[in-house]
Amino acid sequence: MKRILLVCMLFVSTLLSSCGDNRVHSQAVYMLVDTSGTYAQEMGKAAKIINYLLATLNPGDSLAVAKVETRSFTEKDIVAKVTFDKRPSQATIQKRAFKSKIEEFSKEIKGSAFTDITGGLIQGAEYLNETKAGNRTIVIFSDMQEELGKGTVRDFPIKLDGIRIVALNVTKLNTDNADPRIYLDRLARWEERVRKAGATDWVMVNDLENNMESILSTR
């Protein structure tokens, strides 16, 4: 009887350990899409990135896409989110449904007046932490120019512990072309801020055609 009990305990222990390992190796990605001003016209590029993520993420991984608007610290700005089923056939169905939601969003997108990147980062960190994934990434599709509306407070420390930050398609503004130091300073400030917040890495990808694989972390 004791031997049977010991075997059962070992089996349960192995099963729990296996579940834990799955979480350690799983990926979760939260993508912020800037919808302010003329940047809303870049949605075609954003859709290509989302399609890449859908094609690359595996069963058990998680993905969410959210808008960066006037105030982005809200679940209402999440366009689509999913944790893919362990069964590949079901995960494929989920990916198709996710893609359809993004296509609908692309048709209805409207430029927002302001750009609350910080609020989006806080919301993204909450989502990623809830997934319990071992590899967590926030992708920011934006020119990284934060503009806050009246009454929006974001000048406080934020927490991004254990999260990679990837800035994509950081286009140069007219002021950047006139004085490149503005562009470089903006990126330096964001890198300093996210690293102070506990982010594991800051990655910038502007050459989307050749460096798409840099978005996801190495397992």
N, C-alpha and C. Protein backbone atom coordinates (compact mmCIF):
# COMPACT_ATOMS: atom_id res chain seq x y z
N MET A 1 0.84 -1.21 0.00
CA MET A 1 0.00 0.00 0.00
C MET A 1 0.88 1.27 0.00
N LYS A 2 1.93 1.23 0.84
CA LYS A 2 2.83 2.38 0.92
C LYS A 2 3.53 2.60 -0.41
N ARG A 3 3.85 1.48 -1.08
CA ARG A 3 4.54 1.58 -2.37
C ARG A 3 3.64 2.24 -3.42
N ILE A 4 2.37 1.84 -3.43
CA ILE A 4 1.39 2.41 -4.38
C ILE A 4 1.22 3.91 -4.12
N LEU A 5 1.13 4.25 -2.82
CA LEU A 5 0.98 5.66 -2.44
C LEU A 5 2.18 6.49 -2.89
N LEU A 6 3.39 5.91 -2.73
CA LEU A 6 4.61 6.59 -3.13
C LEU A 6 4.64 6.83 -4.64
N VAL A 7 4.22 5.82 -5.41
CA VAL A 7 4.18 5.92 -6.88
C VAL A 7 3.21 7.02 -7.29
N CYS A 8 2.04 7.06 -6.63
CA CYS A 8 1.03 8.09 -6.94
C CYS A 8 1.58 9.49 -6.66
N MET A 9 2.27 9.63 -5.53
CA MET A 9 2.83 10.93 -5.16
C MET A 9 3.87 11.38 -6.17
N LEU A 10 4.70 10.44 -6.61
CA LEU A 10 5.72 10.76 -7.61
C LEU A 10 5.09 11.18 -8.93
N PHE A 11 3.99 10.50 -9.29
CA PHE A 11 3.29 10.80 -10.55
C PHE A 11 2.71 12.22 -10.51
N VAL A 12 2.05 12.55 -9.37
CA VAL A 12 1.46 13.89 -9.22
C VAL A 12 2.56 14.94 -9.23
N SER A 13 3.66 14.67 -8.54
CA SER A 13 4.78 15.62 -8.50
C SER A 13 5.34 15.88 -9.89
N THR A 14 5.48 14.80 -10.68
CA THR A 14 6.00 14.93 -12.05
C THR A 14 5.04 15.74 -12.91
N LEU A 15 3.74 15.48 -12.71
CA LEU A 15 2.71 16.19 -13.49
C LEU A 15 2.73 17.69 -13.20
N LEU A 16 2.83 18.04 -11.91
CA LEU A 16 2.88 19.45 -11.52
C LEU A 16 4.14 20.12 -12.03
N SER A 17 5.23 19.39 -11.97
CA SER A 17 6.51 19.93 -12.45
C SER A 17 6.44 20.19 -13.94
N SER A 18 5.79 19.29 -14.67
CA SER A 18 5.64 19.44 -16.12
C SER A 18 4.84 20.69 -16.45
N CYS A 19 3.75 20.93 -15.68
CA CYS A 19 2.92 22.12 -15.90
C CYS A 19 3.74 23.38 -15.67
N GLY A 20 4.57 23.36 -14.61
CA GLY A 20 5.40 24.51 -14.32
C GLY A 20 6.38 24.78 -15.44
N ASP A 21 6.98 23.70 -15.99
CA ASP A 21 7.93 23.86 -17.08
C ASP A 21 7.27 24.48 -18.29
N ASN A 22 6.03 24.11 -18.57
CA ASN A 22 5.31 24.68 -19.71
C ASN A 22 5.18 26.19 -19.57
N ARG A 23 4.89 26.64 -18.33
CA ARG A 23 4.75 28.07 -18.10
C ARG A 23 6.08 28.79 -18.29
N VAL A 24 7.16 28.14 -17.83
CA VAL A 24 8.48 28.75 -17.93
C VAL A 24 8.86 28.98 -19.39
N HIS A 25 8.50 28.06 -20.25
CA HIS A 25 8.91 28.14 -21.66
C HIS A 25 7.88 28.84 -22.54
N SER A 26 6.73 29.20 -22.00
CA SER A 26 5.70 29.84 -22.82
C SER A 26 6.00 31.33 -23.02
N GLN A 27 5.43 31.89 -24.08
CA GLN A 27 5.62 33.31 -24.39
C GLN A 27 4.29 34.03 -24.28
N ALA A 28 4.37 35.28 -23.86
CA ALA A 28 3.19 36.16 -23.84
C ALA A 28 3.62 37.50 -24.42
N VAL A 29 2.85 37.99 -25.38
CA VAL A 29 3.18 39.25 -26.06
C VAL A 29 1.99 40.19 -25.97
N TYR A 30 2.26 41.43 -25.57
CA TYR A 30 1.24 42.48 -25.53
C TYR A 30 1.70 43.56 -26.49
N MET A 31 0.96 43.79 -27.56
CA MET A 31 1.36 44.76 -28.58
C MET A 31 0.52 46.02 -28.49
N LEU A 32 1.21 47.15 -28.32
CA LEU A 32 0.56 48.45 -28.28
C LEU A 32 0.64 49.09 -29.66
N VAL A 33 -0.49 49.50 -30.20
CA VAL A 33 -0.54 50.12 -31.53
C VAL A 33 -0.94 51.58 -31.40
N ASP A 34 -0.03 52.46 -31.76
CA ASP A 34 -0.26 53.91 -31.71
C ASP A 34 -1.34 54.29 -32.74
N THR A 35 -2.39 54.95 -32.29
CA THR A 35 -3.46 55.37 -33.20
C THR A 35 -3.60 56.90 -33.25
N SER A 36 -2.56 57.60 -32.80
CA SER A 36 -2.66 59.06 -32.76
C SER A 36 -2.28 59.68 -34.10
N GLY A 37 -2.98 60.74 -34.45
CA GLY A 37 -2.64 61.53 -35.64
C GLY A 37 -2.43 60.71 -36.89
N THR A 38 -1.37 61.05 -37.63
CA THR A 38 -1.09 60.36 -38.90
C THR A 38 -0.53 58.96 -38.68
N TYR A 39 -0.12 58.64 -37.44
CA TYR A 39 0.45 57.31 -37.20
C TYR A 39 -0.60 56.21 -37.38
N ALA A 40 -1.86 56.59 -37.30
CA ALA A 40 -2.94 55.62 -37.53
C ALA A 40 -2.87 55.06 -38.94
N GLN A 41 -2.23 55.80 -39.85
CA GLN A 41 -2.11 55.34 -41.24
C GLN A 41 -1.08 54.23 -41.40
N GLU A 42 -0.33 53.93 -40.34
CA GLU A 42 0.69 52.89 -40.37
C GLU A 42 0.12 51.51 -40.03
N MET A 43 -1.20 51.40 -39.93
CA MET A 43 -1.82 50.16 -39.49
C MET A 43 -1.49 48.97 -40.38
N GLY A 44 -1.23 49.23 -41.66
CA GLY A 44 -0.86 48.15 -42.58
C GLY A 44 0.40 47.43 -42.11
N LYS A 45 1.38 48.21 -41.66
CA LYS A 45 2.62 47.62 -41.14
C LYS A 45 2.36 46.88 -39.83
N ALA A 46 1.51 47.46 -38.99
CA ALA A 46 1.19 46.83 -37.71
C ALA A 46 0.53 45.47 -37.94
N ALA A 47 -0.34 45.40 -38.95
CA ALA A 47 -1.04 44.14 -39.27
C ALA A 47 -0.04 43.06 -39.69
N LYS A 48 1.00 43.44 -40.41
CA LYS A 48 2.03 42.47 -40.82
C LYS A 48 2.75 41.90 -39.60
N ILE A 49 3.01 42.76 -38.62
CA ILE A 49 3.68 42.31 -37.40
C ILE A 49 2.78 41.33 -36.63
N ILE A 50 1.50 41.68 -36.55
CA ILE A 50 0.54 40.82 -35.85
C ILE A 50 0.44 39.47 -36.55
N ASN A 51 0.42 39.46 -37.88
CA ASN A 51 0.38 38.21 -38.64
C ASN A 51 1.63 37.37 -38.37
N TYR A 52 2.78 38.05 -38.25
CA TYR A 52 4.02 37.34 -37.93
C TYR A 52 3.91 36.68 -36.54
N LEU A 53 3.39 37.42 -35.58
CA LEU A 53 3.23 36.88 -34.23
C LEU A 53 2.28 35.69 -34.22
N LEU A 54 1.18 35.80 -34.95
CA LEU A 54 0.22 34.70 -35.03
C LEU A 54 0.85 33.46 -35.64
N ALA A 55 1.70 33.66 -36.62
CA ALA A 55 2.34 32.52 -37.30
C ALA A 55 3.44 31.89 -36.44
N THR A 56 4.03 32.69 -35.55
CA THR A 56 5.21 32.23 -34.81
C THR A 56 4.89 31.69 -33.42
N LEU A 57 3.91 32.29 -32.75
CA LEU A 57 3.58 31.84 -31.39
C LEU A 57 2.99 30.43 -31.41
N ASN A 58 3.26 29.69 -30.36
CA ASN A 58 2.87 28.29 -30.27
C ASN A 58 1.65 28.06 -29.38
N PRO A 59 1.04 26.87 -29.47
CA PRO A 59 -0.02 26.53 -28.52
C PRO A 59 0.46 26.73 -27.08
N GLY A 60 -0.39 27.35 -26.26
CA GLY A 60 -0.01 27.66 -24.88
C GLY A 60 0.51 29.06 -24.70
N ASP A 61 0.93 29.71 -25.80
CA ASP A 61 1.39 31.10 -25.74
C ASP A 61 0.20 32.05 -25.70
N SER A 62 0.45 33.31 -25.32
CA SER A 62 -0.61 34.32 -25.23
C SER A 62 -0.27 35.54 -26.07
N LEU A 63 -1.31 36.18 -26.60
CA LEU A 63 -1.12 37.39 -27.42
C LEU A 63 -2.27 38.35 -27.17
N ALA A 64 -1.94 39.63 -27.07
CA ALA A 64 -2.97 40.67 -26.96
C ALA A 64 -2.51 41.87 -27.78
N VAL A 65 -3.48 42.54 -28.40
CA VAL A 65 -3.20 43.77 -29.16
C VAL A 65 -4.10 44.86 -28.60
N ALA A 66 -3.51 46.02 -28.27
CA ALA A 66 -4.27 47.12 -27.69
C ALA A 66 -3.93 48.44 -28.38
N LYS A 67 -4.88 49.38 -28.33
CA LYS A 67 -4.68 50.70 -28.92
C LYS A 67 -3.98 51.62 -27.91
N VAL A 68 -3.14 52.50 -28.44
CA VAL A 68 -2.60 53.59 -27.63
C VAL A 68 -3.43 54.81 -27.99
N GLU A 69 -4.20 55.29 -27.04
CA GLU A 69 -5.10 56.42 -27.30
C GLU A 69 -4.82 57.55 -26.30
N THR A 70 -5.84 58.40 -26.12
CA THR A 70 -5.71 59.54 -25.21
C THR A 70 -5.42 59.07 -23.79
N ARG A 71 -6.12 58.04 -23.34
CA ARG A 71 -5.85 57.38 -22.07
C ARG A 71 -5.92 55.89 -22.30
N SER A 72 -4.79 55.20 -22.07
CA SER A 72 -4.68 53.80 -22.49
C SER A 72 -4.64 52.80 -21.33
N PHE A 73 -4.83 53.26 -20.10
CA PHE A 73 -4.81 52.34 -18.97
C PHE A 73 -6.21 51.76 -18.74
N THR A 74 -6.68 51.00 -19.70
CA THR A 74 -8.00 50.40 -19.60
C THR A 74 -8.11 49.19 -20.50
N GLU A 75 -8.84 48.16 -20.04
CA GLU A 75 -9.03 46.96 -20.84
C GLU A 75 -9.88 47.23 -22.07
N LYS A 76 -10.61 48.35 -22.07
CA LYS A 76 -11.45 48.68 -23.22
C LYS A 76 -10.61 48.92 -24.47
N ASP A 77 -9.34 49.25 -24.28
CA ASP A 77 -8.46 49.50 -25.42
C ASP A 77 -7.83 48.23 -25.98
N ILE A 78 -8.10 47.09 -25.34
CA ILE A 78 -7.59 45.82 -25.86
C ILE A 78 -8.49 45.38 -27.02
N VAL A 79 -7.91 45.33 -28.21
CA VAL A 79 -8.66 44.98 -29.42
C VAL A 79 -8.94 43.48 -29.46
N ALA A 80 -7.94 42.69 -29.11
CA ALA A 80 -8.09 41.23 -29.12
C ALA A 80 -7.07 40.62 -28.17
N LYS A 81 -7.45 39.54 -27.50
CA LYS A 81 -6.51 38.83 -26.64
C LYS A 81 -6.86 37.35 -26.62
N VAL A 82 -5.83 36.50 -26.45
CA VAL A 82 -6.07 35.06 -26.48
C VAL A 82 -4.88 34.32 -25.87
N THR A 83 -5.17 33.20 -25.23
CA THR A 83 -4.14 32.23 -24.88
C THR A 83 -4.43 31.01 -25.73
N PHE A 84 -3.48 30.65 -26.59
CA PHE A 84 -3.73 29.60 -27.56
C PHE A 84 -3.84 28.23 -26.89
N ASP A 85 -4.83 27.48 -27.35
CA ASP A 85 -5.10 26.14 -26.85
C ASP A 85 -3.90 25.23 -27.07
N LYS A 86 -3.73 24.26 -26.17
CA LYS A 86 -2.63 23.31 -26.31
C LYS A 86 -2.80 22.44 -27.55
N ARG A 87 -4.04 22.28 -28.00
CA ARG A 87 -4.28 21.48 -29.21
C ARG A 87 -4.04 22.34 -30.44
N PRO A 88 -3.11 21.95 -31.29
CA PRO A 88 -2.77 22.76 -32.48
C PRO A 88 -3.97 23.11 -33.35
N SER A 89 -4.90 22.17 -33.51
CA SER A 89 -6.07 22.43 -34.36
C SER A 89 -6.92 23.56 -33.79
N GLN A 90 -7.10 23.56 -32.45
CA GLN A 90 -7.88 24.61 -31.80
C GLN A 90 -7.13 25.94 -31.83
N ALA A 91 -5.81 25.87 -31.66
CA ALA A 91 -4.99 27.08 -31.70
C ALA A 91 -5.10 27.75 -33.07
N THR A 92 -5.16 26.94 -34.12
CA THR A 92 -5.30 27.47 -35.49
C THR A 92 -6.62 28.22 -35.65
N ILE A 93 -7.69 27.65 -35.10
CA ILE A 93 -9.00 28.30 -35.16
C ILE A 93 -8.96 29.63 -34.41
N GLN A 94 -8.31 29.64 -33.24
CA GLN A 94 -8.19 30.86 -32.44
C GLN A 94 -7.40 31.95 -33.19
N LYS A 95 -6.36 31.52 -33.89
CA LYS A 95 -5.54 32.48 -34.63
C LYS A 95 -6.34 33.11 -35.77
N ARG A 96 -7.17 32.34 -36.43
CA ARG A 96 -8.01 32.88 -37.51
C ARG A 96 -9.00 33.90 -36.96
N ALA A 97 -9.59 33.57 -35.81
CA ALA A 97 -10.55 34.49 -35.19
C ALA A 97 -9.86 35.78 -34.76
N PHE A 98 -8.64 35.65 -34.24
CA PHE A 98 -7.86 36.81 -33.81
C PHE A 98 -7.56 37.71 -35.01
N LYS A 99 -7.15 37.10 -36.10
CA LYS A 99 -6.84 37.86 -37.32
C LYS A 99 -8.06 38.62 -37.83
N SER A 100 -9.24 38.00 -37.75
CA SER A 100 -10.49 38.65 -38.19
C SER A 100 -10.78 39.90 -37.35
N LYS A 101 -10.53 39.80 -36.03
CA LYS A 101 -10.75 40.96 -35.16
C LYS A 101 -9.83 42.11 -35.53
N ILE A 102 -8.59 41.78 -35.86
CA ILE A 102 -7.62 42.81 -36.24
C ILE A 102 -8.02 43.46 -37.57
N GLU A 103 -8.51 42.67 -38.49
CA GLU A 103 -8.95 43.21 -39.78
C GLU A 103 -10.12 44.17 -39.59
N GLU A 104 -11.04 43.82 -38.70
CA GLU A 104 -12.18 44.71 -38.41
C GLU A 104 -11.70 46.00 -37.77
N PHE A 105 -10.77 45.87 -36.84
CA PHE A 105 -10.20 47.03 -36.16
C PHE A 105 -9.51 47.96 -37.17
N SER A 106 -8.80 47.39 -38.12
CA SER A 106 -8.08 48.18 -39.12
C SER A 106 -9.03 49.03 -39.96
N LYS A 107 -10.22 48.50 -40.21
CA LYS A 107 -11.20 49.23 -41.04
C LYS A 107 -11.83 50.39 -40.28
N GLU A 108 -11.94 50.23 -38.96
CA GLU A 108 -12.67 51.22 -38.15
C GLU A 108 -11.77 52.18 -37.40
N ILE A 109 -10.45 52.04 -37.53
CA ILE A 109 -9.52 52.82 -36.72
C ILE A 109 -9.66 54.32 -36.98
N LYS A 110 -9.62 55.09 -35.90
CA LYS A 110 -9.68 56.56 -35.98
C LYS A 110 -8.52 57.14 -35.17
N GLY A 111 -7.90 58.17 -35.70
CA GLY A 111 -6.77 58.78 -35.01
C GLY A 111 -7.19 59.44 -33.71
N SER A 112 -6.44 59.18 -32.64
CA SER A 112 -6.75 59.80 -31.34
C SER A 112 -6.00 61.12 -31.21
N ALA A 113 -6.47 61.95 -30.31
CA ALA A 113 -5.87 63.29 -30.14
C ALA A 113 -4.55 63.23 -29.37
N PHE A 114 -4.44 62.28 -28.44
CA PHE A 114 -3.24 62.20 -27.60
C PHE A 114 -2.68 60.78 -27.60
N THR A 115 -1.49 60.63 -26.99
CA THR A 115 -0.77 59.34 -27.03
C THR A 115 -0.31 58.95 -25.64
N ASP A 116 -1.06 58.11 -24.96
CA ASP A 116 -0.73 57.69 -23.60
C ASP A 116 0.04 56.37 -23.64
N ILE A 117 1.33 56.45 -23.96
CA ILE A 117 2.15 55.24 -24.02
C ILE A 117 2.34 54.64 -22.63
N THR A 118 2.55 55.49 -21.63
CA THR A 118 2.77 55.01 -20.27
C THR A 118 1.59 54.19 -19.76
N GLY A 119 0.37 54.70 -19.96
CA GLY A 119 -0.82 53.96 -19.53
C GLY A 119 -0.89 52.61 -20.20
N GLY A 120 -0.52 52.56 -21.49
CA GLY A 120 -0.52 51.29 -22.22
C GLY A 120 0.50 50.32 -21.66
N LEU A 121 1.65 50.83 -21.26
CA LEU A 121 2.68 49.97 -20.67
C LEU A 121 2.21 49.37 -19.35
N ILE A 122 1.55 50.18 -18.53
CA ILE A 122 1.06 49.68 -17.23
C ILE A 122 0.00 48.60 -17.45
N GLN A 123 -0.93 48.87 -18.38
CA GLN A 123 -1.97 47.89 -18.68
C GLN A 123 -1.35 46.61 -19.25
N GLY A 124 -0.35 46.77 -20.13
CA GLY A 124 0.32 45.62 -20.73
C GLY A 124 1.02 44.76 -19.69
N ALA A 125 1.68 45.40 -18.73
CA ALA A 125 2.38 44.66 -17.68
C ALA A 125 1.39 43.84 -16.85
N GLU A 126 0.23 44.43 -16.56
CA GLU A 126 -0.80 43.70 -15.80
C GLU A 126 -1.24 42.44 -16.55
N TYR A 127 -1.49 42.61 -17.84
CA TYR A 127 -1.94 41.47 -18.66
C TYR A 127 -0.87 40.38 -18.69
N LEU A 128 0.38 40.76 -18.96
CA LEU A 128 1.45 39.78 -19.07
C LEU A 128 1.69 39.04 -17.76
N ASN A 129 1.64 39.74 -16.65
CA ASN A 129 1.85 39.10 -15.36
C ASN A 129 0.76 38.09 -15.05
N GLU A 130 -0.45 38.36 -15.50
CA GLU A 130 -1.56 37.43 -15.27
C GLU A 130 -1.40 36.13 -16.07
N THR A 131 -0.68 36.18 -17.19
CA THR A 131 -0.51 34.97 -18.01
C THR A 131 0.44 33.97 -17.36
N LYS A 132 1.30 34.43 -16.45
CA LYS A 132 2.31 33.59 -15.79
C LYS A 132 3.34 33.04 -16.77
N ALA A 133 3.42 33.60 -17.96
CA ALA A 133 4.37 33.12 -18.96
C ALA A 133 5.81 33.39 -18.54
N GLY A 134 6.72 32.52 -18.92
CA GLY A 134 8.12 32.70 -18.58
C GLY A 134 8.79 33.81 -19.36
N ASN A 135 8.36 33.99 -20.62
CA ASN A 135 8.91 35.03 -21.48
C ASN A 135 7.82 36.05 -21.79
N ARG A 136 7.99 37.28 -21.32
CA ARG A 136 6.95 38.30 -21.48
C ARG A 136 7.51 39.51 -22.23
N THR A 137 6.77 39.95 -23.24
CA THR A 137 7.24 41.03 -24.10
C THR A 137 6.13 42.04 -24.36
N ILE A 138 6.46 43.33 -24.24
CA ILE A 138 5.56 44.39 -24.70
C ILE A 138 6.16 44.96 -25.98
N VAL A 139 5.38 44.94 -27.04
CA VAL A 139 5.79 45.50 -28.33
C VAL A 139 5.08 46.84 -28.50
N ILE A 140 5.85 47.89 -28.77
CA ILE A 140 5.26 49.23 -28.94
C ILE A 140 5.43 49.67 -30.39
N PHE A 141 4.33 49.74 -31.11
CA PHE A 141 4.35 50.19 -32.51
C PHE A 141 3.99 51.67 -32.50
N SER A 142 5.02 52.54 -32.44
CA SER A 142 4.77 53.96 -32.22
C SER A 142 6.00 54.78 -32.58
N ASP A 143 5.80 56.10 -32.73
CA ASP A 143 6.95 57.00 -32.90
C ASP A 143 7.54 57.38 -31.54
N MET A 144 6.94 56.85 -30.46
CA MET A 144 7.40 57.04 -29.08
C MET A 144 7.31 58.49 -28.60
N GLN A 145 6.49 59.28 -29.28
CA GLN A 145 6.25 60.66 -28.84
C GLN A 145 4.99 60.66 -27.98
N GLU A 146 5.15 60.70 -26.66
CA GLU A 146 4.00 60.67 -25.76
C GLU A 146 3.43 62.07 -25.60
N GLU A 147 2.13 62.19 -25.83
CA GLU A 147 1.44 63.47 -25.63
C GLU A 147 0.21 63.19 -24.79
N LEU A 148 0.14 63.82 -23.62
CA LEU A 148 -0.93 63.53 -22.67
C LEU A 148 -1.96 64.66 -22.63
N GLY A 149 -3.21 64.26 -22.54
CA GLY A 149 -4.29 65.24 -22.44
C GLY A 149 -4.36 65.84 -21.05
N LYS A 150 -5.08 66.92 -20.93
CA LYS A 150 -5.23 67.62 -19.65
C LYS A 150 -5.80 66.69 -18.59
N GLY A 151 -5.17 66.68 -17.42
CA GLY A 151 -5.66 65.86 -16.31
C GLY A 151 -5.11 64.45 -16.29
N THR A 152 -4.35 64.06 -17.32
CA THR A 152 -3.76 62.72 -17.36
C THR A 152 -2.39 62.75 -16.68
N VAL A 153 -2.24 61.99 -15.59
CA VAL A 153 -1.00 62.01 -14.80
C VAL A 153 -0.23 60.70 -15.04
N ARG A 154 1.00 60.83 -15.53
CA ARG A 154 1.82 59.64 -15.81
C ARG A 154 3.28 59.82 -15.35
N ASP A 155 3.59 60.93 -14.66
CA ASP A 155 4.97 61.19 -14.25
C ASP A 155 5.28 60.54 -12.90
N PHE A 156 5.23 59.21 -12.87
CA PHE A 156 5.54 58.46 -11.66
C PHE A 156 6.23 57.16 -12.08
N PRO A 157 6.96 56.52 -11.17
CA PRO A 157 7.65 55.27 -11.51
C PRO A 157 6.65 54.17 -11.86
N ILE A 158 6.99 53.36 -12.86
CA ILE A 158 6.14 52.23 -13.24
C ILE A 158 6.92 50.93 -13.04
N LYS A 159 6.23 49.79 -13.04
CA LYS A 159 6.88 48.49 -12.83
C LYS A 159 6.76 47.63 -14.08
N LEU A 160 7.92 47.22 -14.60
CA LEU A 160 7.96 46.35 -15.77
C LEU A 160 8.90 45.18 -15.50
N ASP A 161 8.89 44.70 -14.26
CA ASP A 161 9.83 43.66 -13.84
C ASP A 161 9.72 42.41 -14.72
N GLY A 162 10.87 41.99 -15.26
CA GLY A 162 10.93 40.74 -16.04
C GLY A 162 10.33 40.82 -17.43
N ILE A 163 10.06 42.03 -17.92
CA ILE A 163 9.40 42.18 -19.23
C ILE A 163 10.37 42.81 -20.24
N ARG A 164 10.42 42.23 -21.44
CA ARG A 164 11.20 42.83 -22.53
C ARG A 164 10.35 43.91 -23.20
N ILE A 165 10.99 45.01 -23.59
CA ILE A 165 10.30 46.08 -24.31
C ILE A 165 10.90 46.17 -25.71
N VAL A 166 10.04 46.08 -26.72
CA VAL A 166 10.48 46.17 -28.10
C VAL A 166 9.77 47.34 -28.77
N ALA A 167 10.53 48.33 -29.22
CA ALA A 167 9.96 49.48 -29.93
C ALA A 167 10.09 49.25 -31.43
N LEU A 168 8.97 49.32 -32.14
CA LEU A 168 8.96 49.02 -33.57
C LEU A 168 8.57 50.23 -34.40
N ASN A 169 9.18 50.33 -35.58
CA ASN A 169 8.78 51.34 -36.56
C ASN A 169 8.74 52.73 -35.95
N VAL A 170 9.81 53.08 -35.24
CA VAL A 170 9.86 54.39 -34.57
C VAL A 170 10.19 55.46 -35.62
N THR A 171 9.15 55.96 -36.25
CA THR A 171 9.33 56.92 -37.34
C THR A 171 9.83 58.26 -36.80
N LYS A 172 10.51 58.98 -37.66
CA LYS A 172 11.06 60.29 -37.29
C LYS A 172 10.06 61.39 -37.60
N LEU A 173 9.86 62.28 -36.64
CA LEU A 173 8.95 63.41 -36.81
C LEU A 173 9.67 64.53 -37.56
N ASN A 174 8.92 65.53 -38.00
CA ASN A 174 9.53 66.66 -38.70
C ASN A 174 10.58 67.35 -37.85
N THR A 175 10.30 67.46 -36.56
CA THR A 175 11.27 68.09 -35.66
C THR A 175 12.53 67.26 -35.53
N ASP A 176 12.38 65.93 -35.65
CA ASP A 176 13.54 65.04 -35.58
C ASP A 176 14.44 65.23 -36.79
N ASN A 177 13.83 65.43 -37.94
CA ASN A 177 14.61 65.64 -39.16
C ASN A 177 15.40 66.95 -39.07
N ALA A 178 14.79 67.95 -38.46
CA ALA A 178 15.47 69.23 -38.32
C ALA A 178 16.61 69.14 -37.32
N ASP A 179 16.40 68.37 -36.24
CA ASP A 179 17.43 68.23 -35.20
C ASP A 179 17.43 66.78 -34.71
N PRO A 180 18.27 65.90 -35.26
CA PRO A 180 18.30 64.48 -34.89
C PRO A 180 18.49 64.22 -33.40
N ARG A 181 19.03 65.20 -32.68
CA ARG A 181 19.24 65.01 -31.24
C ARG A 181 17.92 64.82 -30.52
N ILE A 182 16.84 65.41 -31.03
CA ILE A 182 15.52 65.27 -30.40
C ILE A 182 15.08 63.81 -30.46
N TYR A 183 15.27 63.20 -31.61
CA TYR A 183 14.92 61.78 -31.83
C TYR A 183 15.75 60.89 -30.90
N LEU A 184 17.06 61.10 -30.90
CA LEU A 184 17.96 60.27 -30.09
C LEU A 184 17.68 60.45 -28.60
N ASP A 185 17.41 61.67 -28.18
CA ASP A 185 17.11 61.93 -26.76
C ASP A 185 15.81 61.26 -26.35
N ARG A 186 14.81 61.30 -27.25
CA ARG A 186 13.52 60.67 -26.94
C ARG A 186 13.69 59.17 -26.69
N LEU A 187 14.44 58.52 -27.55
CA LEU A 187 14.67 57.08 -27.40
C LEU A 187 15.50 56.79 -26.15
N ALA A 188 16.49 57.62 -25.88
CA ALA A 188 17.34 57.42 -24.69
C ALA A 188 16.51 57.55 -23.41
N ARG A 189 15.59 58.51 -23.39
CA ARG A 189 14.75 58.71 -22.20
C ARG A 189 13.84 57.49 -21.97
N TRP A 190 13.27 56.97 -23.06
CA TRP A 190 12.41 55.80 -22.91
C TRP A 190 13.20 54.58 -22.44
N GLU A 191 14.38 54.40 -23.02
CA GLU A 191 15.20 53.25 -22.59
C GLU A 191 15.55 53.35 -21.11
N GLU A 192 15.95 54.54 -20.69
CA GLU A 192 16.30 54.74 -19.28
C GLU A 192 15.09 54.47 -18.38
N ARG A 193 13.93 54.92 -18.82
CA ARG A 193 12.74 54.77 -17.99
C ARG A 193 12.32 53.31 -17.84
N VAL A 194 12.31 52.56 -18.95
CA VAL A 194 11.86 51.17 -18.86
C VAL A 194 12.88 50.30 -18.12
N ARG A 195 14.15 50.61 -18.28
CA ARG A 195 15.16 49.83 -17.55
C ARG A 195 15.06 50.10 -16.05
N LYS A 196 14.81 51.36 -15.67
CA LYS A 196 14.60 51.68 -14.25
C LYS A 196 13.36 50.98 -13.70
N ALA A 197 12.40 50.74 -14.59
CA ALA A 197 11.15 50.08 -14.18
C ALA A 197 11.32 48.57 -14.05
N GLY A 198 12.52 48.05 -14.39
CA GLY A 198 12.78 46.62 -14.20
C GLY A 198 12.71 45.79 -15.47
N ALA A 199 12.56 46.44 -16.63
CA ALA A 199 12.51 45.70 -17.89
C ALA A 199 13.82 44.95 -18.11
N THR A 200 13.74 43.75 -18.63
CA THR A 200 14.94 42.93 -18.84
C THR A 200 15.74 43.39 -20.05
N ASP A 201 15.06 44.07 -20.98
CA ASP A 201 15.76 44.50 -22.19
C ASP A 201 14.97 45.61 -22.90
N TRP A 202 15.69 46.38 -23.69
CA TRP A 202 15.09 47.41 -24.55
C TRP A 202 15.62 47.14 -25.96
N VAL A 203 14.72 46.82 -26.88
CA VAL A 203 15.12 46.49 -28.25
C VAL A 203 14.40 47.42 -29.21
N MET A 204 15.14 47.95 -30.19
CA MET A 204 14.51 48.80 -31.20
C MET A 204 14.65 48.14 -32.56
N VAL A 205 13.52 48.01 -33.27
CA VAL A 205 13.52 47.39 -34.59
C VAL A 205 12.82 48.32 -35.57
N ASN A 206 13.58 48.89 -36.49
CA ASN A 206 12.99 49.73 -37.53
C ASN A 206 12.98 49.03 -38.89
N ASP A 207 13.93 48.11 -39.09
CA ASP A 207 13.98 47.34 -40.33
C ASP A 207 13.11 46.10 -40.17
N LEU A 208 11.81 46.28 -40.39
CA LEU A 208 10.86 45.20 -40.15
C LEU A 208 11.02 44.04 -41.12
N GLU A 209 11.48 44.33 -42.32
CA GLU A 209 11.62 43.28 -43.34
C GLU A 209 12.67 42.25 -42.94
N ASN A 210 13.76 42.70 -42.32
CA ASN A 210 14.89 41.80 -42.06
C ASN A 210 15.08 41.42 -40.60
N ASN A 211 14.40 42.12 -39.69
CA ASN A 211 14.66 41.87 -38.26
C ASN A 211 13.41 41.50 -37.47
N MET A 212 12.41 40.97 -38.13
CA MET A 212 11.16 40.63 -37.46
C MET A 212 11.38 39.61 -36.32
N GLU A 213 12.35 38.71 -36.51
CA GLU A 213 12.58 37.67 -35.49
C GLU A 213 13.07 38.24 -34.17
N SER A 214 13.52 39.51 -34.17
CA SER A 214 14.01 40.13 -32.93
C SER A 214 12.88 40.47 -31.97
N ILE A 215 11.64 40.41 -32.45
CA ILE A 215 10.50 40.77 -31.61
C ILE A 215 10.33 39.79 -30.46
N LEU A 216 10.43 38.51 -30.76
CA LEU A 216 10.22 37.48 -29.74
C LEU A 216 11.53 37.12 -29.06
N SER A 217 11.41 36.76 -27.78
CA SER A 217 12.61 36.38 -27.06
C SER A 217 13.01 34.97 -27.44
N THR A 218 14.32 34.69 -27.26
CA THR A 218 14.79 33.33 -27.51
C THR A 218 14.38 32.45 -26.37
N ARG A 219 13.80 31.33 -26.69
CA ARG A 219 13.30 30.43 -25.64
C ARG A 219 14.46 29.72 -24.97
